[in-house]
């Protein structure tokens, strides 16, 4: 719940209101209707008066301000609802399968190398001994298992990557960015606040003091 510092103005927008006021005062020399700034009333005096009349000044741009607040709240709600959910973490069963998938080609490859080396040595030393040929055959079998395991592991990684990749959502056509709409709403409020609130109040405050000397218009 926001706390109002004045009707039609939330606490978080007080600084923006003051910036509009300060911009108007800093450019008063270029505005004929504010020619009395610095002679009839000083800048600090006018600033204090306008801040004290915040409720009156901001009410002149109430409709634009209400729209700006509405758009801002919609953006905040949408931003909170669009936070992506984290990917599902694999359960214990999936983790065991992944470990087995990785370890099988490693173990099979190691066994294949051992059997082939031992079989080759035995076959070279004793060509007539059948055990050497058996080890060579076993080495080839384990080599095939290692190759198959590597293929399965690669396929599993590919499937996991595709499953976890974020899907692109089609919007059905170009849409204006929420920040753009918010910026337009803020600028519309600032302009209305300046033209219908701040400047008329400053002009009326200067006019109420009367000319500082006979030469003043």
N, C-alpha and C. Protein backbone atom coordinates (compact mmCIF):
# COMPACT_ATOMS: atom_id res chain seq x y z
N UNK A 1 0.84 -1.18 0.00
CA UNK A 1 0.00 0.00 0.00
C UNK A 1 0.88 1.23 0.00
N UNK A 2 0.69 2.13 -0.99
CA UNK A 2 1.49 3.35 -1.06
C UNK A 2 0.85 4.42 -0.17
N UNK A 3 1.68 5.29 0.39
CA UNK A 3 1.18 6.38 1.21
C UNK A 3 1.21 7.65 0.38
N UNK A 4 0.11 8.34 0.33
CA UNK A 4 0.02 9.59 -0.41
C UNK A 4 0.64 10.71 0.40
N UNK A 5 1.43 11.56 -0.26
CA UNK A 5 1.90 12.79 0.37
C UNK A 5 0.94 13.92 0.03
N UNK A 6 0.13 13.74 -0.97
CA UNK A 6 -0.90 14.69 -1.36
C UNK A 6 -1.86 13.93 -2.26
N UNK A 7 -3.11 14.41 -2.41
CA UNK A 7 -4.02 13.75 -3.34
C UNK A 7 -3.42 13.67 -4.73
N UNK A 8 -3.56 12.53 -5.36
CA UNK A 8 -3.07 12.29 -6.72
C UNK A 8 -1.55 12.21 -6.82
N UNK A 9 -0.84 12.06 -5.69
CA UNK A 9 0.61 11.93 -5.77
C UNK A 9 1.09 10.91 -4.74
N UNK A 10 1.75 9.85 -5.22
CA UNK A 10 2.31 8.84 -4.34
C UNK A 10 3.70 9.26 -3.87
N UNK A 11 4.09 8.71 -2.75
CA UNK A 11 5.39 9.08 -2.16
C UNK A 11 6.54 8.87 -3.14
N UNK A 12 6.50 7.78 -3.90
CA UNK A 12 7.60 7.47 -4.81
C UNK A 12 7.71 8.46 -5.96
N UNK A 13 6.66 9.27 -6.20
CA UNK A 13 6.67 10.23 -7.31
C UNK A 13 6.93 11.65 -6.83
N UNK A 14 7.17 11.83 -5.55
CA UNK A 14 7.45 13.17 -5.03
C UNK A 14 8.70 13.77 -5.70
N UNK A 15 9.74 12.94 -5.85
CA UNK A 15 10.98 13.44 -6.46
C UNK A 15 10.74 13.87 -7.91
N UNK A 16 9.90 13.14 -8.63
CA UNK A 16 9.61 13.52 -10.03
C UNK A 16 8.88 14.86 -10.08
N UNK A 17 7.96 15.05 -9.16
CA UNK A 17 7.25 16.33 -9.07
C UNK A 17 8.23 17.48 -8.83
N UNK A 18 9.18 17.28 -7.93
CA UNK A 18 10.16 18.31 -7.64
C UNK A 18 11.07 18.58 -8.83
N UNK A 19 11.37 17.52 -9.61
CA UNK A 19 12.21 17.74 -10.81
C UNK A 19 11.49 18.61 -11.83
N UNK A 20 10.19 18.37 -12.02
CA UNK A 20 9.42 19.19 -12.95
C UNK A 20 9.42 20.65 -12.48
N UNK A 21 9.22 20.84 -11.18
CA UNK A 21 9.23 22.19 -10.63
C UNK A 21 10.60 22.85 -10.82
N UNK A 22 11.67 22.13 -10.52
CA UNK A 22 13.01 22.70 -10.66
C UNK A 22 13.33 23.02 -12.12
N UNK A 23 12.87 22.18 -13.06
CA UNK A 23 13.09 22.47 -14.48
C UNK A 23 12.38 23.76 -14.87
N UNK A 24 11.16 23.94 -14.37
CA UNK A 24 10.40 25.16 -14.70
C UNK A 24 11.10 26.39 -14.14
N UNK A 25 11.59 26.30 -12.93
CA UNK A 25 12.26 27.45 -12.32
C UNK A 25 13.60 27.76 -12.99
N UNK A 26 14.31 26.70 -13.41
CA UNK A 26 15.61 26.92 -14.04
C UNK A 26 15.49 27.53 -15.43
N UNK A 27 14.33 27.40 -16.06
CA UNK A 27 14.12 27.97 -17.40
C UNK A 27 13.16 29.16 -17.35
N UNK A 28 12.96 29.73 -16.16
CA UNK A 28 12.01 30.84 -16.02
C UNK A 28 12.41 32.04 -16.86
N UNK A 29 13.73 32.25 -17.04
CA UNK A 29 14.18 33.40 -17.82
C UNK A 29 13.72 33.34 -19.28
N UNK A 30 13.41 32.15 -19.75
CA UNK A 30 12.98 32.00 -21.14
C UNK A 30 11.45 32.01 -21.28
N UNK A 31 10.75 32.22 -20.18
CA UNK A 31 9.28 32.22 -20.20
C UNK A 31 8.79 33.63 -19.82
N UNK A 32 8.17 34.34 -20.75
CA UNK A 32 7.71 35.71 -20.46
C UNK A 32 6.76 35.79 -19.28
N UNK A 33 5.92 34.76 -19.12
CA UNK A 33 4.95 34.81 -18.01
C UNK A 33 5.60 34.68 -16.65
N UNK A 34 6.88 34.28 -16.62
CA UNK A 34 7.60 34.15 -15.35
C UNK A 34 8.70 35.21 -15.24
N UNK A 35 8.49 36.33 -15.86
CA UNK A 35 9.53 37.38 -15.88
C UNK A 35 9.80 37.93 -14.50
N UNK A 36 8.85 37.78 -13.57
CA UNK A 36 9.05 38.34 -12.24
C UNK A 36 9.88 37.48 -11.31
N UNK A 37 10.34 36.32 -11.76
CA UNK A 37 11.15 35.45 -10.92
C UNK A 37 12.48 36.15 -10.63
N UNK A 38 12.82 36.25 -9.36
CA UNK A 38 14.06 36.90 -8.97
C UNK A 38 13.88 38.34 -8.58
N UNK A 39 12.75 38.96 -8.97
CA UNK A 39 12.49 40.35 -8.59
C UNK A 39 11.29 40.42 -7.65
N UNK A 40 10.16 39.91 -8.07
CA UNK A 40 8.98 39.89 -7.19
C UNK A 40 9.14 38.81 -6.12
N UNK A 41 9.54 37.63 -6.56
CA UNK A 41 9.77 36.52 -5.64
C UNK A 41 11.05 35.80 -6.07
N UNK A 42 11.79 35.33 -5.11
CA UNK A 42 13.01 34.60 -5.43
C UNK A 42 12.68 33.14 -5.79
N UNK A 43 13.65 32.47 -6.40
CA UNK A 43 13.46 31.06 -6.75
C UNK A 43 13.19 30.20 -5.51
N UNK A 44 13.95 30.35 -4.41
CA UNK A 44 13.63 29.54 -3.22
C UNK A 44 12.23 29.80 -2.68
N UNK A 45 11.78 31.07 -2.72
CA UNK A 45 10.43 31.37 -2.25
C UNK A 45 9.38 30.69 -3.11
N UNK A 46 9.54 30.77 -4.42
CA UNK A 46 8.58 30.14 -5.32
C UNK A 46 8.60 28.62 -5.17
N UNK A 47 9.77 28.07 -4.99
CA UNK A 47 9.87 26.61 -4.82
C UNK A 47 9.15 26.16 -3.55
N UNK A 48 9.37 26.87 -2.47
CA UNK A 48 8.72 26.51 -1.21
C UNK A 48 7.20 26.65 -1.33
N UNK A 49 6.74 27.70 -1.98
CA UNK A 49 5.30 27.90 -2.14
C UNK A 49 4.68 26.78 -2.96
N UNK A 50 5.37 26.39 -4.04
CA UNK A 50 4.82 25.34 -4.91
C UNK A 50 4.82 23.98 -4.22
N UNK A 51 5.83 23.70 -3.43
CA UNK A 51 5.87 22.45 -2.69
C UNK A 51 4.77 22.40 -1.63
N UNK A 52 4.51 23.53 -1.01
CA UNK A 52 3.44 23.59 -0.02
C UNK A 52 2.06 23.42 -0.65
N UNK A 53 1.96 23.75 -1.93
CA UNK A 53 0.68 23.64 -2.64
C UNK A 53 0.66 22.39 -3.54
N UNK A 54 1.39 21.34 -3.14
CA UNK A 54 1.49 20.13 -3.96
C UNK A 54 0.13 19.57 -4.33
N UNK A 55 -0.79 19.52 -3.38
CA UNK A 55 -2.12 18.94 -3.65
C UNK A 55 -2.83 19.71 -4.75
N UNK A 56 -2.78 21.03 -4.67
CA UNK A 56 -3.45 21.85 -5.66
C UNK A 56 -2.80 21.71 -7.03
N UNK A 57 -1.47 21.76 -7.07
CA UNK A 57 -0.74 21.73 -8.35
C UNK A 57 -0.91 20.38 -9.04
N UNK A 58 -0.77 19.29 -8.30
CA UNK A 58 -0.84 17.96 -8.93
C UNK A 58 -2.25 17.60 -9.37
N UNK A 59 -3.26 18.19 -8.73
CA UNK A 59 -4.64 17.86 -9.12
C UNK A 59 -4.94 18.32 -10.53
N UNK A 60 -4.18 19.28 -11.05
CA UNK A 60 -4.41 19.75 -12.42
C UNK A 60 -4.05 18.70 -13.46
N UNK A 61 -3.23 17.73 -13.10
CA UNK A 61 -2.83 16.66 -14.03
C UNK A 61 -3.24 15.30 -13.48
N UNK A 62 -4.37 15.26 -12.79
CA UNK A 62 -4.80 14.03 -12.11
C UNK A 62 -5.06 12.89 -13.08
N UNK A 63 -5.70 13.16 -14.21
CA UNK A 63 -6.05 12.06 -15.13
C UNK A 63 -4.80 11.43 -15.73
N UNK A 64 -3.84 12.27 -16.14
CA UNK A 64 -2.59 11.73 -16.70
C UNK A 64 -1.81 10.96 -15.64
N UNK A 65 -1.83 11.46 -14.41
CA UNK A 65 -1.10 10.78 -13.36
C UNK A 65 -1.74 9.42 -13.03
N UNK A 66 -3.07 9.38 -13.00
CA UNK A 66 -3.75 8.10 -12.73
C UNK A 66 -3.41 7.07 -13.80
N UNK A 67 -3.34 7.52 -15.05
CA UNK A 67 -2.98 6.59 -16.14
C UNK A 67 -1.54 6.11 -15.98
N UNK A 68 -0.65 7.00 -15.65
CA UNK A 68 0.75 6.64 -15.44
C UNK A 68 0.89 5.61 -14.33
N UNK A 69 0.22 5.81 -13.21
CA UNK A 69 0.28 4.86 -12.09
C UNK A 69 -0.29 3.51 -12.49
N UNK A 70 -1.38 3.52 -13.25
CA UNK A 70 -2.01 2.27 -13.69
C UNK A 70 -1.06 1.47 -14.58
N UNK A 71 -0.43 2.14 -15.55
CA UNK A 71 0.51 1.45 -16.45
C UNK A 71 1.70 0.91 -15.66
N UNK A 72 2.20 1.67 -14.72
CA UNK A 72 3.34 1.23 -13.92
C UNK A 72 2.99 -0.02 -13.10
N UNK A 73 1.81 -0.04 -12.50
CA UNK A 73 1.42 -1.20 -11.71
C UNK A 73 1.22 -2.42 -12.60
N UNK A 74 0.67 -2.22 -13.79
CA UNK A 74 0.52 -3.34 -14.73
C UNK A 74 1.87 -3.91 -15.13
N UNK A 75 2.84 -3.04 -15.36
CA UNK A 75 4.18 -3.51 -15.71
C UNK A 75 4.81 -4.30 -14.57
N UNK A 76 4.63 -3.83 -13.35
CA UNK A 76 5.19 -4.54 -12.22
C UNK A 76 4.55 -5.90 -12.03
N UNK A 77 3.23 -5.96 -12.23
CA UNK A 77 2.53 -7.25 -12.12
C UNK A 77 2.99 -8.21 -13.20
N UNK A 78 3.11 -7.69 -14.43
CA UNK A 78 3.55 -8.54 -15.54
C UNK A 78 4.98 -9.02 -15.34
N UNK A 79 5.84 -8.15 -14.80
CA UNK A 79 7.23 -8.55 -14.56
C UNK A 79 7.31 -9.65 -13.52
N UNK A 80 6.47 -9.58 -12.50
CA UNK A 80 6.47 -10.63 -11.49
C UNK A 80 5.94 -11.95 -12.01
N UNK A 81 4.97 -11.89 -12.95
CA UNK A 81 4.37 -13.11 -13.47
C UNK A 81 5.21 -13.76 -14.55
N UNK A 82 6.15 -13.00 -15.15
CA UNK A 82 6.92 -13.54 -16.28
C UNK A 82 8.25 -14.13 -15.87
N UNK A 83 8.52 -14.24 -14.56
CA UNK A 83 9.79 -14.84 -14.13
C UNK A 83 9.77 -16.31 -14.50
N UNK A 84 10.73 -16.79 -15.30
CA UNK A 84 10.71 -18.18 -15.75
C UNK A 84 10.92 -19.14 -14.61
N UNK A 85 10.21 -20.26 -14.67
CA UNK A 85 10.39 -21.30 -13.66
C UNK A 85 11.70 -22.03 -13.90
N UNK A 86 12.40 -22.43 -12.84
CA UNK A 86 13.67 -23.16 -13.04
C UNK A 86 13.43 -24.50 -13.66
N UNK A 87 14.45 -24.99 -14.35
CA UNK A 87 14.35 -26.29 -14.98
C UNK A 87 14.20 -27.37 -13.91
N UNK A 88 13.46 -28.41 -14.24
CA UNK A 88 13.29 -29.51 -13.31
C UNK A 88 14.62 -30.24 -13.14
N UNK A 89 14.99 -30.44 -11.89
CA UNK A 89 16.23 -31.16 -11.63
C UNK A 89 15.97 -32.66 -11.75
N UNK A 90 16.91 -33.43 -12.28
CA UNK A 90 16.71 -34.86 -12.42
C UNK A 90 16.62 -35.54 -11.07
N UNK A 91 15.75 -36.52 -10.97
CA UNK A 91 15.59 -37.26 -9.74
C UNK A 91 16.69 -38.29 -9.58
N UNK A 92 16.67 -39.05 -8.45
CA UNK A 92 17.72 -40.05 -8.19
C UNK A 92 17.82 -41.09 -9.29
N UNK A 93 16.67 -41.53 -9.82
CA UNK A 93 16.69 -42.54 -10.88
C UNK A 93 17.39 -42.04 -12.13
N UNK A 94 17.06 -40.77 -12.48
CA UNK A 94 17.70 -40.21 -13.67
C UNK A 94 19.19 -40.05 -13.47
N UNK A 95 19.61 -39.70 -12.22
CA UNK A 95 21.03 -39.55 -11.96
C UNK A 95 21.78 -40.87 -12.07
N UNK A 96 21.17 -41.96 -11.58
CA UNK A 96 21.81 -43.27 -11.67
C UNK A 96 21.96 -43.70 -13.13
N UNK A 97 20.92 -43.45 -13.92
CA UNK A 97 21.00 -43.80 -15.34
C UNK A 97 22.10 -43.02 -16.03
N UNK A 98 22.23 -41.72 -15.68
CA UNK A 98 23.27 -40.90 -16.29
C UNK A 98 24.66 -41.42 -15.94
N UNK A 99 24.84 -41.83 -14.66
CA UNK A 99 26.14 -42.35 -14.24
C UNK A 99 26.48 -43.63 -14.99
N UNK A 100 25.48 -44.51 -15.09
CA UNK A 100 25.72 -45.78 -15.80
C UNK A 100 26.05 -45.51 -17.26
N UNK A 101 25.33 -44.56 -17.86
CA UNK A 101 25.54 -44.24 -19.27
C UNK A 101 26.97 -43.74 -19.51
N UNK A 102 27.49 -42.98 -18.55
CA UNK A 102 28.84 -42.45 -18.71
C UNK A 102 29.89 -43.50 -18.40
N UNK A 103 29.65 -44.32 -17.37
CA UNK A 103 30.67 -45.27 -16.92
C UNK A 103 30.82 -46.48 -17.85
N UNK A 104 29.71 -46.89 -18.48
CA UNK A 104 29.78 -48.09 -19.34
C UNK A 104 30.84 -47.95 -20.44
N UNK A 105 30.81 -46.89 -21.25
CA UNK A 105 31.85 -46.80 -22.30
C UNK A 105 33.26 -46.68 -21.74
N UNK A 106 33.41 -46.03 -20.55
CA UNK A 106 34.74 -45.90 -19.96
C UNK A 106 35.28 -47.26 -19.54
N UNK A 107 34.45 -48.01 -18.80
CA UNK A 107 34.89 -49.33 -18.33
C UNK A 107 35.10 -50.29 -19.50
N UNK A 108 34.16 -50.24 -20.45
CA UNK A 108 34.29 -51.14 -21.60
C UNK A 108 35.54 -50.81 -22.40
N UNK A 109 35.85 -49.53 -22.55
CA UNK A 109 37.04 -49.14 -23.28
C UNK A 109 38.30 -49.60 -22.58
N UNK A 110 38.32 -49.44 -21.24
CA UNK A 110 39.50 -49.89 -20.48
C UNK A 110 39.68 -51.40 -20.59
N UNK A 111 38.57 -52.16 -20.46
CA UNK A 111 38.65 -53.61 -20.58
C UNK A 111 39.10 -54.03 -21.96
N UNK A 112 38.61 -53.30 -22.97
CA UNK A 112 38.99 -53.63 -24.34
C UNK A 112 40.50 -53.47 -24.54
N UNK A 113 41.07 -52.39 -24.02
CA UNK A 113 42.51 -52.16 -24.17
C UNK A 113 43.31 -53.24 -23.47
N UNK A 114 42.87 -53.59 -22.23
CA UNK A 114 43.60 -54.62 -21.48
C UNK A 114 43.56 -55.97 -22.20
N UNK A 115 42.36 -56.37 -22.62
CA UNK A 115 42.22 -57.67 -23.29
C UNK A 115 43.00 -57.72 -24.59
N UNK A 116 42.96 -56.64 -25.35
CA UNK A 116 43.68 -56.63 -26.62
C UNK A 116 45.19 -56.70 -26.40
N UNK A 117 45.70 -55.95 -25.40
CA UNK A 117 47.14 -55.97 -25.14
C UNK A 117 47.60 -57.35 -24.65
N UNK A 118 46.87 -57.89 -23.66
CA UNK A 118 47.26 -59.21 -23.13
C UNK A 118 47.10 -60.29 -24.19
N UNK A 119 46.00 -60.22 -24.94
CA UNK A 119 45.78 -61.21 -25.99
C UNK A 119 46.84 -61.15 -27.07
N UNK A 120 47.25 -59.92 -27.43
CA UNK A 120 48.27 -59.77 -28.45
C UNK A 120 49.61 -60.32 -27.97
N UNK A 121 49.94 -60.07 -26.71
CA UNK A 121 51.20 -60.58 -26.16
C UNK A 121 51.19 -62.11 -26.13
N UNK A 122 50.10 -62.70 -25.62
CA UNK A 122 50.01 -64.15 -25.56
C UNK A 122 50.05 -64.78 -26.95
N UNK A 123 49.35 -64.15 -27.89
CA UNK A 123 49.32 -64.69 -29.25
C UNK A 123 50.70 -64.62 -29.89
N UNK A 124 51.46 -63.57 -29.53
CA UNK A 124 52.80 -63.45 -30.10
C UNK A 124 53.75 -64.46 -29.49
N UNK A 125 53.63 -64.70 -28.18
CA UNK A 125 54.52 -65.63 -27.51
C UNK A 125 54.14 -67.08 -27.76
N UNK A 126 52.85 -67.35 -27.82
CA UNK A 126 52.39 -68.75 -28.01
C UNK A 126 51.23 -68.76 -28.98
N UNK A 127 51.53 -68.74 -30.26
CA UNK A 127 50.46 -68.66 -31.27
C UNK A 127 49.50 -69.84 -31.20
N UNK A 128 49.94 -70.97 -30.68
CA UNK A 128 49.07 -72.16 -30.68
C UNK A 128 48.12 -72.17 -29.49
N UNK A 129 48.36 -71.28 -28.50
CA UNK A 129 47.49 -71.25 -27.32
C UNK A 129 46.20 -70.50 -27.68
N UNK A 130 45.06 -71.17 -27.47
CA UNK A 130 43.77 -70.59 -27.85
C UNK A 130 43.36 -69.43 -26.95
N UNK A 131 43.93 -69.37 -25.74
CA UNK A 131 43.52 -68.31 -24.80
C UNK A 131 43.85 -66.91 -25.31
N UNK A 132 44.95 -66.80 -26.02
CA UNK A 132 45.32 -65.51 -26.58
C UNK A 132 44.29 -65.02 -27.57
N UNK A 133 43.83 -65.93 -28.44
CA UNK A 133 42.81 -65.54 -29.42
C UNK A 133 41.51 -65.17 -28.73
N UNK A 134 41.21 -65.90 -27.63
CA UNK A 134 39.98 -65.59 -26.89
C UNK A 134 40.04 -64.18 -26.30
N UNK A 135 41.22 -63.81 -25.75
CA UNK A 135 41.36 -62.47 -25.20
C UNK A 135 41.24 -61.39 -26.28
N UNK A 136 41.80 -61.70 -27.45
CA UNK A 136 41.67 -60.74 -28.55
C UNK A 136 40.20 -60.55 -28.94
N UNK A 137 39.47 -61.66 -29.00
CA UNK A 137 38.04 -61.57 -29.34
C UNK A 137 37.28 -60.78 -28.27
N UNK A 138 37.60 -61.06 -26.99
CA UNK A 138 36.95 -60.32 -25.91
C UNK A 138 37.28 -58.83 -25.98
N UNK A 139 38.52 -58.51 -26.34
CA UNK A 139 38.90 -57.11 -26.48
C UNK A 139 38.11 -56.40 -27.56
N UNK A 140 37.88 -57.12 -28.68
CA UNK A 140 37.07 -56.53 -29.76
C UNK A 140 35.63 -56.33 -29.32
N UNK A 141 35.11 -57.30 -28.56
CA UNK A 141 33.72 -57.18 -28.09
C UNK A 141 33.56 -55.98 -27.17
N UNK A 142 34.50 -55.83 -26.22
CA UNK A 142 34.42 -54.69 -25.30
C UNK A 142 34.66 -53.37 -26.03
N UNK A 143 35.46 -53.40 -27.07
CA UNK A 143 35.64 -52.19 -27.87
C UNK A 143 34.36 -51.76 -28.55
N UNK A 144 33.60 -52.76 -29.05
CA UNK A 144 32.30 -52.47 -29.66
C UNK A 144 31.33 -51.90 -28.63
N UNK A 145 31.35 -52.48 -27.42
CA UNK A 145 30.49 -51.97 -26.36
C UNK A 145 30.84 -50.53 -25.99
N UNK A 146 32.14 -50.23 -25.96
CA UNK A 146 32.57 -48.86 -25.64
C UNK A 146 32.08 -47.88 -26.70
N UNK A 147 32.20 -48.27 -27.98
CA UNK A 147 31.73 -47.40 -29.06
C UNK A 147 30.23 -47.19 -28.98
N UNK A 148 29.49 -48.27 -28.71
CA UNK A 148 28.04 -48.14 -28.59
C UNK A 148 27.66 -47.27 -27.40
N UNK A 149 28.40 -47.43 -26.28
CA UNK A 149 28.12 -46.61 -25.11
C UNK A 149 28.36 -45.14 -25.35
N UNK A 150 29.41 -44.83 -26.09
CA UNK A 150 29.68 -43.43 -26.42
C UNK A 150 28.57 -42.83 -27.26
N UNK A 151 28.07 -43.62 -28.22
CA UNK A 151 26.97 -43.13 -29.05
C UNK A 151 25.72 -42.88 -28.21
N UNK A 152 25.43 -43.81 -27.30
CA UNK A 152 24.25 -43.64 -26.43
C UNK A 152 24.40 -42.41 -25.53
N UNK A 153 25.60 -42.22 -24.98
CA UNK A 153 25.83 -41.06 -24.12
C UNK A 153 25.67 -39.75 -24.89
N UNK A 154 26.20 -39.72 -26.12
CA UNK A 154 26.06 -38.51 -26.94
C UNK A 154 24.60 -38.23 -27.26
N UNK A 155 23.85 -39.28 -27.58
CA UNK A 155 22.42 -39.11 -27.88
C UNK A 155 21.67 -38.62 -26.65
N UNK A 156 22.03 -39.15 -25.45
CA UNK A 156 21.37 -38.71 -24.23
C UNK A 156 21.64 -37.25 -23.93
N UNK A 157 22.88 -36.81 -24.13
CA UNK A 157 23.21 -35.40 -23.92
C UNK A 157 22.45 -34.50 -24.88
N UNK A 158 22.31 -34.94 -26.12
CA UNK A 158 21.57 -34.14 -27.10
C UNK A 158 20.11 -34.01 -26.72
N UNK A 159 19.51 -35.13 -26.31
CA UNK A 159 18.09 -35.11 -25.91
C UNK A 159 17.89 -34.21 -24.70
N UNK A 160 18.81 -34.28 -23.72
CA UNK A 160 18.70 -33.44 -22.52
C UNK A 160 18.82 -31.96 -22.87
N UNK A 161 19.75 -31.65 -23.76
CA UNK A 161 19.92 -30.24 -24.16
C UNK A 161 18.69 -29.71 -24.86
N UNK A 162 18.10 -30.53 -25.73
CA UNK A 162 16.90 -30.09 -26.44
C UNK A 162 15.72 -29.93 -25.49
N UNK A 163 15.62 -30.82 -24.51
CA UNK A 163 14.50 -30.77 -23.59
C UNK A 163 14.58 -29.56 -22.66
N UNK A 164 15.81 -29.18 -22.28
CA UNK A 164 15.98 -28.08 -21.33
C UNK A 164 16.12 -26.72 -21.99
N UNK A 165 16.18 -26.68 -23.31
CA UNK A 165 16.31 -25.39 -23.98
C UNK A 165 14.99 -24.64 -23.88
N UNK A 166 15.02 -23.32 -23.55
CA UNK A 166 13.78 -22.56 -23.40
C UNK A 166 13.08 -22.43 -24.74
N UNK A 167 11.78 -22.67 -24.73
CA UNK A 167 10.99 -22.58 -25.96
C UNK A 167 10.70 -21.12 -26.27
N UNK A 168 10.75 -20.76 -27.54
CA UNK A 168 10.45 -19.41 -27.96
C UNK A 168 8.94 -19.27 -28.10
N UNK A 169 8.39 -18.27 -27.45
CA UNK A 169 6.95 -18.05 -27.47
C UNK A 169 6.63 -17.05 -28.56
N UNK A 170 5.74 -17.42 -29.45
CA UNK A 170 5.34 -16.53 -30.52
C UNK A 170 4.31 -15.54 -30.00
N UNK A 171 4.52 -14.28 -30.26
CA UNK A 171 3.59 -13.26 -29.79
C UNK A 171 2.52 -12.94 -30.82
N UNK A 172 2.62 -13.54 -32.01
CA UNK A 172 1.61 -13.30 -33.02
C UNK A 172 1.72 -11.94 -33.67
N UNK A 173 2.83 -11.27 -33.53
CA UNK A 173 3.01 -9.97 -34.16
C UNK A 173 3.75 -9.03 -33.24
N UNK A 174 4.25 -7.93 -33.76
CA UNK A 174 5.01 -7.00 -32.94
C UNK A 174 4.13 -6.31 -31.91
N UNK A 175 4.68 -6.12 -30.73
CA UNK A 175 3.97 -5.41 -29.67
C UNK A 175 4.88 -4.34 -29.11
N UNK A 176 4.29 -3.28 -28.62
CA UNK A 176 5.07 -2.22 -28.01
C UNK A 176 5.65 -2.71 -26.70
N UNK A 177 6.90 -2.38 -26.45
CA UNK A 177 7.55 -2.79 -25.21
C UNK A 177 6.86 -2.10 -24.05
N UNK A 178 6.65 -2.83 -22.92
CA UNK A 178 6.00 -2.22 -21.77
C UNK A 178 6.71 -0.96 -21.30
N UNK A 179 8.04 -0.95 -21.36
CA UNK A 179 8.79 0.21 -20.91
C UNK A 179 8.49 1.44 -21.77
N UNK A 180 8.24 1.20 -23.07
CA UNK A 180 7.91 2.31 -23.96
C UNK A 180 6.57 2.93 -23.56
N UNK A 181 5.60 2.10 -23.25
CA UNK A 181 4.29 2.61 -22.84
C UNK A 181 4.40 3.35 -21.52
N UNK A 182 5.20 2.82 -20.62
CA UNK A 182 5.40 3.49 -19.34
C UNK A 182 6.08 4.83 -19.51
N UNK A 183 7.07 4.88 -20.40
CA UNK A 183 7.77 6.15 -20.65
C UNK A 183 6.83 7.19 -21.23
N UNK A 184 5.97 6.75 -22.16
CA UNK A 184 5.00 7.69 -22.75
C UNK A 184 4.03 8.21 -21.69
N UNK A 185 3.57 7.31 -20.81
CA UNK A 185 2.64 7.73 -19.76
C UNK A 185 3.31 8.70 -18.79
N UNK A 186 4.58 8.44 -18.47
CA UNK A 186 5.30 9.34 -17.55
C UNK A 186 5.48 10.72 -18.19
N UNK A 187 5.87 10.74 -19.46
CA UNK A 187 6.08 12.02 -20.12
C UNK A 187 4.78 12.80 -20.27
N UNK A 188 3.68 12.09 -20.53
CA UNK A 188 2.38 12.76 -20.63
C UNK A 188 2.00 13.41 -19.31
N UNK A 189 2.28 12.70 -18.22
CA UNK A 189 1.99 13.28 -16.90
C UNK A 189 2.89 14.48 -16.62
N UNK A 190 4.17 14.36 -16.91
CA UNK A 190 5.10 15.46 -16.66
C UNK A 190 4.69 16.71 -17.45
N UNK A 191 4.30 16.51 -18.71
CA UNK A 191 3.91 17.66 -19.53
C UNK A 191 2.65 18.32 -18.98
N UNK A 192 1.65 17.49 -18.64
CA UNK A 192 0.41 18.04 -18.08
C UNK A 192 0.67 18.73 -16.75
N UNK A 193 1.54 18.14 -15.94
CA UNK A 193 1.87 18.74 -14.65
C UNK A 193 2.54 20.10 -14.84
N UNK A 194 3.42 20.17 -15.83
CA UNK A 194 4.12 21.44 -16.08
C UNK A 194 3.18 22.50 -16.64
N UNK A 195 2.45 22.12 -17.69
CA UNK A 195 1.64 23.10 -18.42
C UNK A 195 0.38 23.51 -17.66
N UNK A 196 -0.24 22.57 -16.97
CA UNK A 196 -1.53 22.88 -16.32
C UNK A 196 -1.42 23.05 -14.81
N UNK A 197 -0.26 22.68 -14.24
CA UNK A 197 -0.13 22.78 -12.80
C UNK A 197 0.95 23.74 -12.34
N UNK A 198 2.21 23.43 -12.66
CA UNK A 198 3.33 24.20 -12.13
C UNK A 198 3.37 25.62 -12.69
N UNK A 199 3.35 25.74 -14.02
CA UNK A 199 3.47 27.07 -14.62
C UNK A 199 2.31 27.99 -14.23
N UNK A 200 1.05 27.55 -14.29
CA UNK A 200 -0.03 28.44 -13.84
C UNK A 200 0.10 28.87 -12.38
N UNK A 201 0.54 27.95 -11.52
CA UNK A 201 0.70 28.31 -10.12
C UNK A 201 1.80 29.35 -9.94
N UNK A 202 2.92 29.17 -10.61
CA UNK A 202 4.01 30.16 -10.52
C UNK A 202 3.55 31.51 -11.06
N UNK A 203 2.85 31.48 -12.17
CA UNK A 203 2.37 32.74 -12.76
C UNK A 203 1.41 33.46 -11.81
N UNK A 204 0.49 32.68 -11.20
CA UNK A 204 -0.47 33.30 -10.27
C UNK A 204 0.24 33.83 -9.02
N UNK A 205 1.24 33.09 -8.55
CA UNK A 205 1.97 33.54 -7.37
C UNK A 205 2.70 34.84 -7.64
N UNK A 206 3.30 34.96 -8.82
CA UNK A 206 4.00 36.19 -9.17
C UNK A 206 3.01 37.34 -9.35
N UNK A 207 1.88 37.06 -9.97
CA UNK A 207 0.89 38.11 -10.19
C UNK A 207 0.30 38.61 -8.87
N UNK A 208 0.18 37.72 -7.90
CA UNK A 208 -0.42 38.11 -6.62
C UNK A 208 0.46 39.06 -5.83
N UNK A 209 1.76 39.06 -6.10
CA UNK A 209 2.66 39.95 -5.36
C UNK A 209 2.61 41.37 -5.88
N UNK A 210 2.14 41.57 -7.12
CA UNK A 210 2.13 42.89 -7.71
C UNK A 210 3.49 43.27 -8.21
N UNK A 211 3.64 44.29 -9.02
CA UNK A 211 4.95 44.72 -9.53
C UNK A 211 5.83 45.21 -8.41
N UNK A 212 7.11 44.89 -8.52
CA UNK A 212 8.06 45.30 -7.49
C UNK A 212 8.39 46.78 -7.56
N UNK A 213 8.22 47.37 -8.76
CA UNK A 213 8.42 48.82 -8.89
C UNK A 213 7.60 49.27 -10.07
N UNK A 214 7.39 50.60 -10.27
CA UNK A 214 6.53 51.09 -11.35
C UNK A 214 6.98 50.67 -12.72
N UNK A 215 8.24 50.39 -12.92
CA UNK A 215 8.71 50.01 -14.25
C UNK A 215 8.35 48.59 -14.62
N UNK A 216 7.92 47.76 -13.63
CA UNK A 216 7.56 46.38 -13.93
C UNK A 216 6.28 46.34 -14.72
N UNK A 217 6.12 45.39 -15.65
CA UNK A 217 4.87 45.30 -16.43
C UNK A 217 3.74 44.85 -15.54
